[in-house]
């Protein structure tokens, strides 16, 4: 991602906001994408995976999905990543007798 463009004339144009991942809650600023163009020019930091599941009576498929997304963002932030390019995202279960589960895998990228 490009934060700003600085022209020879000295003029600066803001393109996108810098993502800061500092601090205890910095993981919340990690971006999730499935658009390959978003990772152009960023440094590959490694593959990450996340899985979340729960008892059908205690968690919905949406809840499992949110938890898996939180875990993958936390792992990316630990590695210094600002963005996760998601390569696989599956959510299953949630119907009677089947526990909801969410699985995500991708690659963390940073500046």
C-alpha atoms as a PDB file:
ATOM      1  CA  UNK A   1       0.000   0.000   0.000  1.00  0.00           C
ATOM      2  CA  UNK A   2       1.144   3.499  -0.709  1.00  0.00           C
ATOM      3  CA  UNK A   3       0.683   6.009   2.111  1.00  0.00           C
ATOM      4  CA  UNK A   4       1.561   9.129   0.125  1.00  0.00           C
ATOM      5  CA  UNK A   5       3.177  10.321  -3.077  1.00  0.00           C
ATOM      6  CA  UNK A   6       5.756  13.085  -2.902  1.00  0.00           C
ATOM      7  CA  UNK A   7       6.189  14.972  -6.165  1.00  0.00           C
ATOM      8  CA  UNK A   8       9.341  16.796  -7.310  1.00  0.00           C
ATOM      9  CA  UNK A   9       7.520  20.079  -6.828  1.00  0.00           C
ATOM     10  CA  UNK A  10       7.251  19.245  -3.105  1.00  0.00           C
ATOM     11  CA  UNK A  11       3.536  18.624  -3.186  1.00  0.00           C
ATOM     12  CA  UNK A  12       2.409  15.544  -1.226  1.00  0.00           C
ATOM     13  CA  UNK A  13      -0.698  13.527  -2.001  1.00  0.00           C
ATOM     14  CA  UNK A  14      -2.160  11.173   0.596  1.00  0.00           C
ATOM     15  CA  UNK A  15      -3.183   7.857  -0.967  1.00  0.00           C
ATOM     16  CA  UNK A  16      -4.025   5.624   1.989  1.00  0.00           C
ATOM     17  CA  UNK A  17      -3.635   5.643   5.756  1.00  0.00           C
ATOM     18  CA  UNK A  18      -0.655   3.951   7.374  1.00  0.00           C
ATOM     19  CA  UNK A  19      -1.753   1.011   9.466  1.00  0.00           C
ATOM     20  CA  UNK A  20      -0.223   1.069  12.946  1.00  0.00           C
ATOM     21  CA  UNK A  21      -0.046  -2.178  14.870  1.00  0.00           C
ATOM     22  CA  UNK A  22       1.713  -0.876  17.971  1.00  0.00           C
ATOM     23  CA  UNK A  23       0.325  -1.442  21.425  1.00  0.00           C
ATOM     24  CA  UNK A  24      -1.902  -4.038  22.991  1.00  0.00           C
ATOM     25  CA  UNK A  25      -4.833  -3.446  20.654  1.00  0.00           C
ATOM     26  CA  UNK A  26      -2.779  -2.897  17.496  1.00  0.00           C
ATOM     27  CA  UNK A  27      -3.918  -6.232  16.065  1.00  0.00           C
ATOM     28  CA  UNK A  28      -7.341  -4.681  15.476  1.00  0.00           C
ATOM     29  CA  UNK A  29      -5.788  -2.440  12.802  1.00  0.00           C
ATOM     30  CA  UNK A  30      -4.474  -5.354  10.720  1.00  0.00           C
ATOM     31  CA  UNK A  31      -6.287  -5.418   7.380  1.00  0.00           C
ATOM     32  CA  UNK A  32      -7.702  -8.537   5.735  1.00  0.00           C
ATOM     33  CA  UNK A  33      -7.826  -8.796   1.940  1.00  0.00           C
ATOM     34  CA  UNK A  34      -8.321 -11.304  -0.842  1.00  0.00           C
ATOM     35  CA  UNK A  35      -7.244  -8.834  -3.533  1.00  0.00           C
ATOM     36  CA  UNK A  36      -3.774  -9.678  -4.862  1.00  0.00           C
ATOM     37  CA  UNK A  37      -3.221  -6.030  -5.899  1.00  0.00           C
ATOM     38  CA  UNK A  38      -3.267  -4.960  -2.229  1.00  0.00           C
ATOM     39  CA  UNK A  39      -0.019  -6.836  -1.494  1.00  0.00           C
ATOM     40  CA  UNK A  40       2.084  -5.432  -4.334  1.00  0.00           C
ATOM     41  CA  UNK A  41       5.233  -3.851  -2.893  1.00  0.00           C
ATOM     42  CA  UNK A  42       4.774  -5.264   0.612  1.00  0.00           C
ATOM     43  CA  UNK A  43       7.204  -7.606   2.371  1.00  0.00           C
ATOM     44  CA  UNK A  44       6.083 -11.217   2.805  1.00  0.00           C
ATOM     45  CA  UNK A  45       6.350 -12.211   6.467  1.00  0.00           C
ATOM     46  CA  UNK A  46       5.101 -15.790   6.326  1.00  0.00           C
ATOM     47  CA  UNK A  47       2.060 -18.010   6.208  1.00  0.00           C
ATOM     48  CA  UNK A  48      -0.459 -17.987   9.038  1.00  0.00           C
ATOM     49  CA  UNK A  49      -3.459 -20.142   9.878  1.00  0.00           C
ATOM     50  CA  UNK A  50      -6.356 -19.830  12.243  1.00  0.00           C
ATOM     51  CA  UNK A  51      -9.119 -22.155  13.342  1.00  0.00           C
ATOM     52  CA  UNK A  52     -12.014 -21.493  15.680  1.00  0.00           C
ATOM     53  CA  UNK A  53     -14.884 -23.706  16.651  1.00  0.00           C
ATOM     54  CA  UNK A  54     -17.331 -24.122  19.429  1.00  0.00           C
ATOM     55  CA  UNK A  55     -20.311 -25.978  20.700  1.00  0.00           C
ATOM     56  CA  UNK A  56     -23.391 -25.465  18.565  1.00  0.00           C
ATOM     57  CA  UNK A  57     -25.350 -24.130  21.511  1.00  0.00           C
ATOM     58  CA  UNK A  58     -22.651 -21.642  22.537  1.00  0.00           C
ATOM     59  CA  UNK A  59     -21.362 -20.142  19.279  1.00  0.00           C
ATOM     60  CA  UNK A  60     -22.786 -19.373  15.860  1.00  0.00           C
ATOM     61  CA  UNK A  61     -20.957 -19.763  12.557  1.00  0.00           C
ATOM     62  CA  UNK A  62     -20.572 -15.971  12.527  1.00  0.00           C
ATOM     63  CA  UNK A  63     -19.056 -16.096  16.007  1.00  0.00           C
ATOM     64  CA  UNK A  64     -16.597 -18.792  14.965  1.00  0.00           C
ATOM     65  CA  UNK A  65     -15.708 -16.756  11.892  1.00  0.00           C
ATOM     66  CA  UNK A  66     -15.106 -13.607  13.977  1.00  0.00           C
ATOM     67  CA  UNK A  67     -12.887 -15.540  16.402  1.00  0.00           C
ATOM     68  CA  UNK A  68     -10.819 -17.062  13.571  1.00  0.00           C
ATOM     69  CA  UNK A  69     -10.393 -13.598  12.032  1.00  0.00           C
ATOM     70  CA  UNK A  70      -9.291 -12.183  15.391  1.00  0.00           C
ATOM     71  CA  UNK A  71      -6.738 -14.973  15.821  1.00  0.00           C
ATOM     72  CA  UNK A  72      -5.270 -14.514  12.350  1.00  0.00           C
ATOM     73  CA  UNK A  73      -5.008 -10.740  12.892  1.00  0.00           C
ATOM     74  CA  UNK A  74      -3.276 -11.253  16.266  1.00  0.00           C
ATOM     75  CA  UNK A  75      -0.763 -13.646  14.698  1.00  0.00           C
ATOM     76  CA  UNK A  76      -0.054 -11.224  11.850  1.00  0.00           C
ATOM     77  CA  UNK A  77       0.503  -8.363  14.328  1.00  0.00           C
ATOM     78  CA  UNK A  78       2.939 -10.520  16.345  1.00  0.00           C
ATOM     79  CA  UNK A  79       4.986 -10.960  13.176  1.00  0.00           C
ATOM     80  CA  UNK A  80       4.872  -7.252  12.376  1.00  0.00           C
ATOM     81  CA  UNK A  81       2.263  -7.666   9.641  1.00  0.00           C
ATOM     82  CA  UNK A  82      -0.072  -4.898   8.569  1.00  0.00           C
ATOM     83  CA  UNK A  83      -2.138  -6.911   6.112  1.00  0.00           C
ATOM     84  CA  UNK A  84      -3.205 -10.548   5.659  1.00  0.00           C
ATOM     85  CA  UNK A  85      -3.820 -11.894   2.178  1.00  0.00           C
ATOM     86  CA  UNK A  86      -6.424 -14.629   2.729  1.00  0.00           C
ATOM     87  CA  UNK A  87      -5.924 -17.686   0.526  1.00  0.00           C
ATOM     88  CA  UNK A  88      -8.449 -20.040   2.133  1.00  0.00           C
ATOM     89  CA  UNK A  89     -11.555 -19.299   4.191  1.00  0.00           C
ATOM     90  CA  UNK A  90     -14.024 -22.015   5.135  1.00  0.00           C
ATOM     91  CA  UNK A  91     -16.922 -21.933   7.576  1.00  0.00           C
ATOM     92  CA  UNK A  92     -18.812 -25.138   8.309  1.00  0.00           C
ATOM     93  CA  UNK A  93     -21.397 -26.502  10.696  1.00  0.00           C
ATOM     94  CA  UNK A  94     -23.890 -24.484  12.644  1.00  0.00           C
ATOM     95  CA  UNK A  95     -26.822 -26.724  11.833  1.00  0.00           C
ATOM     96  CA  UNK A  96     -28.416 -29.048  14.364  1.00  0.00           C
ATOM     97  CA  UNK A  97     -25.844 -31.445  15.788  1.00  0.00           C
ATOM     98  CA  UNK A  98     -22.870 -29.892  13.982  1.00  0.00           C
ATOM     99  CA  UNK A  99     -20.459 -27.602  15.777  1.00  0.00           C
ATOM    100  CA  UNK A 100     -19.664 -24.399  13.887  1.00  0.00           C
ATOM    101  CA  UNK A 101     -16.052 -24.094  12.751  1.00  0.00           C
ATOM    102  CA  UNK A 102     -14.127 -21.509  10.802  1.00  0.00           C
ATOM    103  CA  UNK A 103     -10.735 -22.059   9.176  1.00  0.00           C
ATOM    104  CA  UNK A 104      -8.639 -19.324   7.582  1.00  0.00           C
ATOM    105  CA  UNK A 105      -5.170 -19.389   6.085  1.00  0.00           C
ATOM    106  CA  UNK A 106      -3.178 -16.711   4.378  1.00  0.00           C
ATOM    107  CA  UNK A 107       0.060 -14.803   4.219  1.00  0.00           C
ATOM    108  CA  UNK A 108       1.048 -11.895   6.450  1.00  0.00           C
ATOM    109  CA  UNK A 109       2.583  -8.845   4.768  1.00  0.00           C
ATOM    110  CA  UNK A 110       4.194  -5.728   6.206  1.00  0.00           C
ATOM    111  CA  UNK A 111       5.780  -2.469   5.115  1.00  0.00           C
END
